[in-house]
């Protein structure tokens, strides 16, 4: 989703960014609701959960950065005007 948004030349829709931010807070809650989940910091966290959080957080930063750059580019006055 992040690759599609950053590769398209169109204006950025903020739905993917809001989804990334919601996932950052939603994944820990989802993990804790599952039955029989070990305490935070188990080996399974290092293999999957922490990587998933890292990927979502990185995606949110990339989307926010792309949105800032494109909004500055669109709002800046053209040279020679």
C-alpha atoms as a PDB file:
ATOM      1  CA  UNK A   1       0.000   0.000   0.000  1.00  0.00           C
ATOM      2  CA  UNK A   2       2.824   2.405   0.837  1.00  0.00           C
ATOM      3  CA  UNK A   3       4.672   1.585  -2.363  1.00  0.00           C
ATOM      4  CA  UNK A   4       1.548   2.211  -4.434  1.00  0.00           C
ATOM      5  CA  UNK A   5       0.879   5.573  -2.777  1.00  0.00           C
ATOM      6  CA  UNK A   6       4.472   6.799  -3.017  1.00  0.00           C
ATOM      7  CA  UNK A   7       4.862   5.635  -6.630  1.00  0.00           C
ATOM      8  CA  UNK A   8       1.726   7.349  -7.913  1.00  0.00           C
ATOM      9  CA  UNK A   9       2.075  10.979  -9.009  1.00  0.00           C
ATOM     10  CA  UNK A  10      -1.440  11.813  -7.761  1.00  0.00           C
ATOM     11  CA  UNK A  11      -2.233  13.635  -4.546  1.00  0.00           C
ATOM     12  CA  UNK A  12      -1.830  11.513  -1.444  1.00  0.00           C
ATOM     13  CA  UNK A  13      -4.931  10.195   0.225  1.00  0.00           C
ATOM     14  CA  UNK A  14      -4.450  10.207   4.007  1.00  0.00           C
ATOM     15  CA  UNK A  15      -6.379   6.984   4.580  1.00  0.00           C
ATOM     16  CA  UNK A  16      -3.247   4.764   4.332  1.00  0.00           C
ATOM     17  CA  UNK A  17      -1.429   7.035   6.782  1.00  0.00           C
ATOM     18  CA  UNK A  18      -4.281   6.890   9.275  1.00  0.00           C
ATOM     19  CA  UNK A  19      -4.427   3.112   8.837  1.00  0.00           C
ATOM     20  CA  UNK A  20      -0.713   2.836   9.645  1.00  0.00           C
ATOM     21  CA  UNK A  21      -1.092   4.927  12.783  1.00  0.00           C
ATOM     22  CA  UNK A  22      -4.111   2.877  13.881  1.00  0.00           C
ATOM     23  CA  UNK A  23      -2.161  -0.353  13.312  1.00  0.00           C
ATOM     24  CA  UNK A  24       0.695   0.872  15.503  1.00  0.00           C
ATOM     25  CA  UNK A  25      -1.730   1.022  18.429  1.00  0.00           C
ATOM     26  CA  UNK A  26      -3.972  -1.838  17.312  1.00  0.00           C
ATOM     27  CA  UNK A  27      -1.382  -4.593  16.876  1.00  0.00           C
ATOM     28  CA  UNK A  28      -0.384  -4.705  20.578  1.00  0.00           C
ATOM     29  CA  UNK A  29      -4.044  -4.866  21.614  1.00  0.00           C
ATOM     30  CA  UNK A  30      -4.677  -7.637  19.103  1.00  0.00           C
ATOM     31  CA  UNK A  31      -1.643  -9.539  20.370  1.00  0.00           C
ATOM     32  CA  UNK A  32      -2.729  -9.294  24.009  1.00  0.00           C
ATOM     33  CA  UNK A  33      -6.294 -10.484  23.291  1.00  0.00           C
ATOM     34  CA  UNK A  34      -5.172 -13.816  21.840  1.00  0.00           C
ATOM     35  CA  UNK A  35      -5.365 -16.765  24.214  1.00  0.00           C
ATOM     36  CA  UNK A  36      -2.137 -18.338  25.455  1.00  0.00           C
ATOM     37  CA  UNK A  37       0.148 -15.525  24.339  1.00  0.00           C
ATOM     38  CA  UNK A  38       3.420 -15.359  26.308  1.00  0.00           C
ATOM     39  CA  UNK A  39       4.570 -12.180  28.024  1.00  0.00           C
ATOM     40  CA  UNK A  40       5.982  -9.351  25.936  1.00  0.00           C
ATOM     41  CA  UNK A  41       9.614  -9.975  25.079  1.00  0.00           C
ATOM     42  CA  UNK A  42       9.363 -13.673  24.239  1.00  0.00           C
ATOM     43  CA  UNK A  43      11.289 -15.078  21.283  1.00  0.00           C
ATOM     44  CA  UNK A  44       8.144 -15.062  19.158  1.00  0.00           C
ATOM     45  CA  UNK A  45       7.953 -11.275  19.625  1.00  0.00           C
ATOM     46  CA  UNK A  46      11.415 -10.809  18.209  1.00  0.00           C
ATOM     47  CA  UNK A  47      10.612 -13.071  15.271  1.00  0.00           C
ATOM     48  CA  UNK A  48       7.278 -11.560  14.255  1.00  0.00           C
ATOM     49  CA  UNK A  49       5.592  -8.909  16.402  1.00  0.00           C
ATOM     50  CA  UNK A  50       8.421  -6.412  16.754  1.00  0.00           C
ATOM     51  CA  UNK A  51       9.203  -6.694  13.030  1.00  0.00           C
ATOM     52  CA  UNK A  52       5.555  -6.077  12.163  1.00  0.00           C
ATOM     53  CA  UNK A  53       5.491  -2.982  14.381  1.00  0.00           C
ATOM     54  CA  UNK A  54       8.747  -1.749  12.850  1.00  0.00           C
ATOM     55  CA  UNK A  55       7.426  -2.180   9.301  1.00  0.00           C
ATOM     56  CA  UNK A  56       4.173  -0.367  10.111  1.00  0.00           C
ATOM     57  CA  UNK A  57       6.009   2.489  11.864  1.00  0.00           C
ATOM     58  CA  UNK A  58       8.455   2.852   8.971  1.00  0.00           C
ATOM     59  CA  UNK A  59       5.573   2.869   6.509  1.00  0.00           C
ATOM     60  CA  UNK A  60       3.837   5.626   8.486  1.00  0.00           C
ATOM     61  CA  UNK A  61       6.993   7.742   8.492  1.00  0.00           C
ATOM     62  CA  UNK A  62       7.504   7.250   4.738  1.00  0.00           C
ATOM     63  CA  UNK A  63       3.879   8.169   4.007  1.00  0.00           C
ATOM     64  CA  UNK A  64       4.014  11.256   6.213  1.00  0.00           C
ATOM     65  CA  UNK A  65       7.292  12.371   4.648  1.00  0.00           C
ATOM     66  CA  UNK A  66       5.945  11.859   1.121  1.00  0.00           C
ATOM     67  CA  UNK A  67       2.776  13.774   2.000  1.00  0.00           C
ATOM     68  CA  UNK A  68       4.822  16.697   3.381  1.00  0.00           C
ATOM     69  CA  UNK A  69       7.087  16.828   0.340  1.00  0.00           C
ATOM     70  CA  UNK A  70       4.202  16.676  -2.130  1.00  0.00           C
ATOM     71  CA  UNK A  71       2.116  19.254  -0.282  1.00  0.00           C
ATOM     72  CA  UNK A  72       5.083  21.649  -0.239  1.00  0.00           C
ATOM     73  CA  UNK A  73       5.704  21.032  -3.936  1.00  0.00           C
ATOM     74  CA  UNK A  74       2.052  21.663  -4.847  1.00  0.00           C
ATOM     75  CA  UNK A  75       1.699  24.730  -2.625  1.00  0.00           C
ATOM     76  CA  UNK A  76       4.960  26.408  -3.648  1.00  0.00           C
ATOM     77  CA  UNK A  77       4.691  29.208  -6.220  1.00  0.00           C
ATOM     78  CA  UNK A  78       6.110  28.473  -9.661  1.00  0.00           C
ATOM     79  CA  UNK A  79       9.306  30.205 -10.690  1.00  0.00           C
ATOM     80  CA  UNK A  80       8.892  33.146 -13.006  1.00  0.00           C
ATOM     81  CA  UNK A  81       5.396  34.054 -11.808  1.00  0.00           C
END
